[in-house]
Amino acid sequence: MDLQALLLLIRDKLQDGRLPYESIARVWSSPSDGETCDACETRIAKDQSVTEVTLAGDSRGGAAIPFHVVCFQLWDAERRAV
């Protein structure tokens, strides 16, 4: 997916609530175990890093949200821009 399409998808998901605006409580990266990215909904390959966050507002019950590194960066910038 190209960056412009990804950015539009993330904006749509922020607007309709599929991605949160809340502040990040914790962020970490590790090798992927085949998670699915919450932003682009594609599998994070095992040879890639997954960036996971938990939210300060805990709207997801403390569950970590997995992202591709680029998807995380775009989501973080967009949620802060609003």
N, C-alpha and C. Protein backbone atom coordinates (compact mmCIF):
# COMPACT_ATOMS: atom_id res chain seq x y z
N MET A 1 0.85 -1.17 0.00
CA MET A 1 0.00 0.00 0.00
C MET A 1 0.91 1.24 0.00
N ASP A 2 0.59 2.21 -0.85
CA ASP A 2 1.43 3.40 -0.87
C ASP A 2 1.12 4.29 0.34
N LEU A 3 2.03 5.19 0.65
CA LEU A 3 1.91 6.00 1.86
C LEU A 3 0.68 6.88 1.87
N GLN A 4 0.30 7.44 0.73
CA GLN A 4 -0.88 8.30 0.68
C GLN A 4 -2.15 7.50 0.98
N ALA A 5 -2.27 6.32 0.40
CA ALA A 5 -3.43 5.47 0.66
C ALA A 5 -3.45 5.04 2.13
N LEU A 6 -2.29 4.73 2.67
CA LEU A 6 -2.20 4.33 4.07
C LEU A 6 -2.61 5.49 4.98
N LEU A 7 -2.16 6.67 4.68
CA LEU A 7 -2.51 7.84 5.46
C LEU A 7 -4.02 8.09 5.43
N LEU A 8 -4.64 7.97 4.28
CA LEU A 8 -6.09 8.14 4.17
C LEU A 8 -6.83 7.07 4.96
N LEU A 9 -6.35 5.83 4.93
CA LEU A 9 -6.98 4.76 5.70
C LEU A 9 -6.89 5.05 7.19
N ILE A 10 -5.73 5.49 7.65
CA ILE A 10 -5.55 5.81 9.07
C ILE A 10 -6.45 6.96 9.47
N ARG A 11 -6.56 7.98 8.65
CA ARG A 11 -7.45 9.10 8.95
C ARG A 11 -8.90 8.63 9.06
N ASP A 12 -9.32 7.78 8.13
CA ASP A 12 -10.69 7.24 8.18
C ASP A 12 -10.92 6.45 9.46
N LYS A 13 -9.95 5.63 9.83
CA LYS A 13 -10.09 4.82 11.04
C LYS A 13 -10.09 5.67 12.30
N LEU A 14 -9.34 6.76 12.32
CA LEU A 14 -9.39 7.68 13.46
C LEU A 14 -10.77 8.34 13.54
N GLN A 15 -11.29 8.76 12.39
CA GLN A 15 -12.59 9.45 12.37
C GLN A 15 -13.73 8.55 12.82
N ASP A 16 -13.70 7.29 12.41
CA ASP A 16 -14.83 6.42 12.77
C ASP A 16 -14.58 5.57 14.02
N GLY A 17 -13.45 5.80 14.69
CA GLY A 17 -13.20 5.14 15.97
C GLY A 17 -12.51 3.80 15.91
N ARG A 18 -12.15 3.34 14.71
CA ARG A 18 -11.45 2.05 14.63
C ARG A 18 -10.01 2.15 15.12
N LEU A 19 -9.44 3.35 15.11
CA LEU A 19 -8.14 3.61 15.73
C LEU A 19 -8.36 4.72 16.76
N PRO A 20 -7.68 4.62 17.91
CA PRO A 20 -7.91 5.57 18.99
C PRO A 20 -7.08 6.85 18.86
N TYR A 21 -7.56 7.89 19.55
CA TYR A 21 -6.83 9.15 19.68
C TYR A 21 -6.07 9.24 21.00
N GLU A 22 -6.36 8.36 21.95
CA GLU A 22 -5.82 8.47 23.29
C GLU A 22 -4.29 8.53 23.32
N SER A 23 -3.79 9.08 24.41
CA SER A 23 -2.35 9.14 24.63
C SER A 23 -1.79 7.74 24.84
N ILE A 24 -0.53 7.60 24.48
CA ILE A 24 0.16 6.33 24.62
C ILE A 24 0.72 6.21 26.03
N ALA A 25 0.45 5.10 26.67
CA ALA A 25 1.01 4.83 27.99
C ALA A 25 2.37 4.15 27.86
N ARG A 26 2.47 3.25 26.89
CA ARG A 26 3.71 2.48 26.71
C ARG A 26 3.84 2.11 25.24
N VAL A 27 5.07 2.14 24.74
CA VAL A 27 5.34 1.71 23.36
C VAL A 27 6.62 0.88 23.38
N TRP A 28 6.61 -0.20 22.60
CA TRP A 28 7.79 -1.05 22.48
C TRP A 28 7.79 -1.73 21.12
N SER A 29 8.96 -2.16 20.71
CA SER A 29 9.11 -2.90 19.45
C SER A 29 9.79 -4.22 19.73
N SER A 30 9.45 -5.19 18.91
CA SER A 30 10.05 -6.52 19.02
C SER A 30 9.91 -7.20 17.66
N PRO A 31 10.60 -8.32 17.48
CA PRO A 31 10.40 -9.07 16.24
C PRO A 31 8.95 -9.53 16.14
N SER A 32 8.41 -9.49 14.96
CA SER A 32 7.02 -9.89 14.75
C SER A 32 6.86 -11.39 14.92
N ASP A 33 5.68 -11.74 15.40
CA ASP A 33 5.31 -13.14 15.50
C ASP A 33 4.12 -13.41 14.56
N GLY A 34 4.01 -12.55 13.53
CA GLY A 34 2.93 -12.72 12.56
C GLY A 34 1.66 -11.98 12.91
N GLU A 35 1.77 -10.96 13.78
CA GLU A 35 0.60 -10.17 14.16
C GLU A 35 -0.01 -9.47 12.94
N THR A 36 -1.24 -9.02 13.10
CA THR A 36 -1.90 -8.21 12.08
C THR A 36 -1.90 -6.77 12.54
N CYS A 37 -1.48 -5.88 11.67
CA CYS A 37 -1.41 -4.45 11.97
C CYS A 37 -2.83 -3.88 12.08
N ASP A 38 -3.09 -3.15 13.16
CA ASP A 38 -4.41 -2.54 13.34
C ASP A 38 -4.67 -1.41 12.35
N ALA A 39 -3.63 -0.80 11.83
CA ALA A 39 -3.83 0.31 10.89
C ALA A 39 -4.16 -0.18 9.49
N CYS A 40 -3.28 -1.00 8.92
CA CYS A 40 -3.47 -1.40 7.51
C CYS A 40 -4.10 -2.78 7.35
N GLU A 41 -4.28 -3.49 8.46
CA GLU A 41 -4.94 -4.80 8.48
C GLU A 41 -4.22 -5.87 7.67
N THR A 42 -2.91 -5.70 7.50
CA THR A 42 -2.12 -6.75 6.86
C THR A 42 -1.19 -7.37 7.88
N ARG A 43 -0.75 -8.57 7.57
CA ARG A 43 0.12 -9.31 8.47
C ARG A 43 1.50 -8.67 8.52
N ILE A 44 2.06 -8.61 9.71
CA ILE A 44 3.41 -8.10 9.90
C ILE A 44 4.34 -9.30 9.77
N ALA A 45 5.16 -9.31 8.74
CA ALA A 45 6.02 -10.46 8.42
C ALA A 45 6.99 -10.74 9.57
N LYS A 46 7.34 -11.99 9.71
CA LYS A 46 8.23 -12.40 10.80
C LYS A 46 9.63 -11.81 10.69
N ASP A 47 10.00 -11.31 9.52
CA ASP A 47 11.31 -10.67 9.39
C ASP A 47 11.22 -9.16 9.61
N GLN A 48 10.07 -8.67 10.09
CA GLN A 48 9.86 -7.26 10.38
C GLN A 48 9.70 -7.06 11.88
N SER A 49 9.82 -5.80 12.29
CA SER A 49 9.54 -5.45 13.69
C SER A 49 8.07 -5.06 13.81
N VAL A 50 7.50 -5.39 14.95
CA VAL A 50 6.16 -4.93 15.29
C VAL A 50 6.32 -3.86 16.36
N THR A 51 5.59 -2.76 16.22
CA THR A 51 5.55 -1.72 17.24
C THR A 51 4.20 -1.86 17.92
N GLU A 52 4.23 -2.03 19.24
CA GLU A 52 3.00 -2.23 20.00
C GLU A 52 2.84 -1.11 21.02
N VAL A 53 1.60 -0.71 21.23
CA VAL A 53 1.31 0.35 22.20
C VAL A 53 0.18 -0.07 23.12
N THR A 54 0.22 0.46 24.33
CA THR A 54 -0.94 0.44 25.21
C THR A 54 -1.32 1.89 25.44
N LEU A 55 -2.58 2.11 25.72
CA LEU A 55 -3.11 3.47 25.79
C LEU A 55 -3.27 3.94 27.23
N ALA A 56 -3.07 5.25 27.43
CA ALA A 56 -3.24 5.84 28.75
C ALA A 56 -4.71 5.77 29.18
N GLY A 57 -5.62 5.96 28.23
CA GLY A 57 -7.05 5.94 28.54
C GLY A 57 -7.60 4.54 28.70
N ASP A 58 -6.83 3.55 28.29
CA ASP A 58 -7.17 2.13 28.44
C ASP A 58 -8.52 1.77 27.82
N SER A 59 -8.87 2.39 26.69
CA SER A 59 -10.15 2.08 26.04
C SER A 59 -10.19 0.67 25.48
N ARG A 60 -9.05 0.03 25.38
CA ARG A 60 -9.01 -1.33 24.84
C ARG A 60 -8.69 -2.35 25.92
N GLY A 61 -8.96 -2.00 27.16
CA GLY A 61 -8.78 -2.94 28.25
C GLY A 61 -7.34 -3.37 28.48
N GLY A 62 -6.41 -2.50 28.16
CA GLY A 62 -5.00 -2.81 28.37
C GLY A 62 -4.37 -3.65 27.29
N ALA A 63 -5.14 -4.03 26.28
CA ALA A 63 -4.60 -4.84 25.20
C ALA A 63 -3.63 -4.02 24.34
N ALA A 64 -2.54 -4.64 23.95
CA ALA A 64 -1.56 -3.97 23.09
C ALA A 64 -2.11 -3.86 21.68
N ILE A 65 -1.81 -2.75 21.03
CA ILE A 65 -2.22 -2.52 19.66
C ILE A 65 -0.99 -2.68 18.77
N PRO A 66 -0.99 -3.65 17.85
CA PRO A 66 0.18 -3.87 17.00
C PRO A 66 0.13 -3.04 15.72
N PHE A 67 1.31 -2.54 15.32
CA PHE A 67 1.45 -1.76 14.10
C PHE A 67 2.74 -2.14 13.38
N HIS A 68 2.74 -2.00 12.05
CA HIS A 68 4.01 -1.92 11.33
C HIS A 68 4.69 -0.64 11.82
N VAL A 69 5.99 -0.55 11.72
CA VAL A 69 6.71 0.64 12.18
C VAL A 69 6.19 1.89 11.47
N VAL A 70 6.06 1.84 10.15
CA VAL A 70 5.57 3.00 9.39
C VAL A 70 4.13 3.33 9.74
N CYS A 71 3.31 2.32 9.90
CA CYS A 71 1.90 2.55 10.27
C CYS A 71 1.81 3.23 11.63
N PHE A 72 2.63 2.80 12.57
CA PHE A 72 2.66 3.44 13.89
C PHE A 72 3.03 4.91 13.75
N GLN A 73 4.07 5.21 12.98
CA GLN A 73 4.52 6.59 12.84
C GLN A 73 3.43 7.48 12.23
N LEU A 74 2.75 6.98 11.23
CA LEU A 74 1.67 7.75 10.61
C LEU A 74 0.49 7.93 11.57
N TRP A 75 0.09 6.86 12.25
CA TRP A 75 -1.00 6.94 13.21
C TRP A 75 -0.67 7.94 14.32
N ASP A 76 0.53 7.84 14.87
CA ASP A 76 0.92 8.71 15.96
C ASP A 76 0.91 10.18 15.52
N ALA A 77 1.41 10.48 14.35
CA ALA A 77 1.42 11.84 13.85
C ALA A 77 0.00 12.35 13.60
N GLU A 78 -0.86 11.51 13.03
CA GLU A 78 -2.24 11.92 12.74
C GLU A 78 -3.06 12.12 13.99
N ARG A 79 -2.91 11.25 14.98
CA ARG A 79 -3.71 11.42 16.20
C ARG A 79 -3.28 12.65 16.96
N ARG A 80 -2.01 13.03 16.87
CA ARG A 80 -1.51 14.22 17.55
C ARG A 80 -1.91 15.50 16.81
N ALA A 81 -2.11 15.41 15.51
CA ALA A 81 -2.41 16.59 14.69
C ALA A 81 -3.80 17.15 14.95
N VAL A 82 -4.66 16.33 15.46
CA VAL A 82 -6.06 16.75 15.66
C VAL A 82 -6.21 17.53 16.94
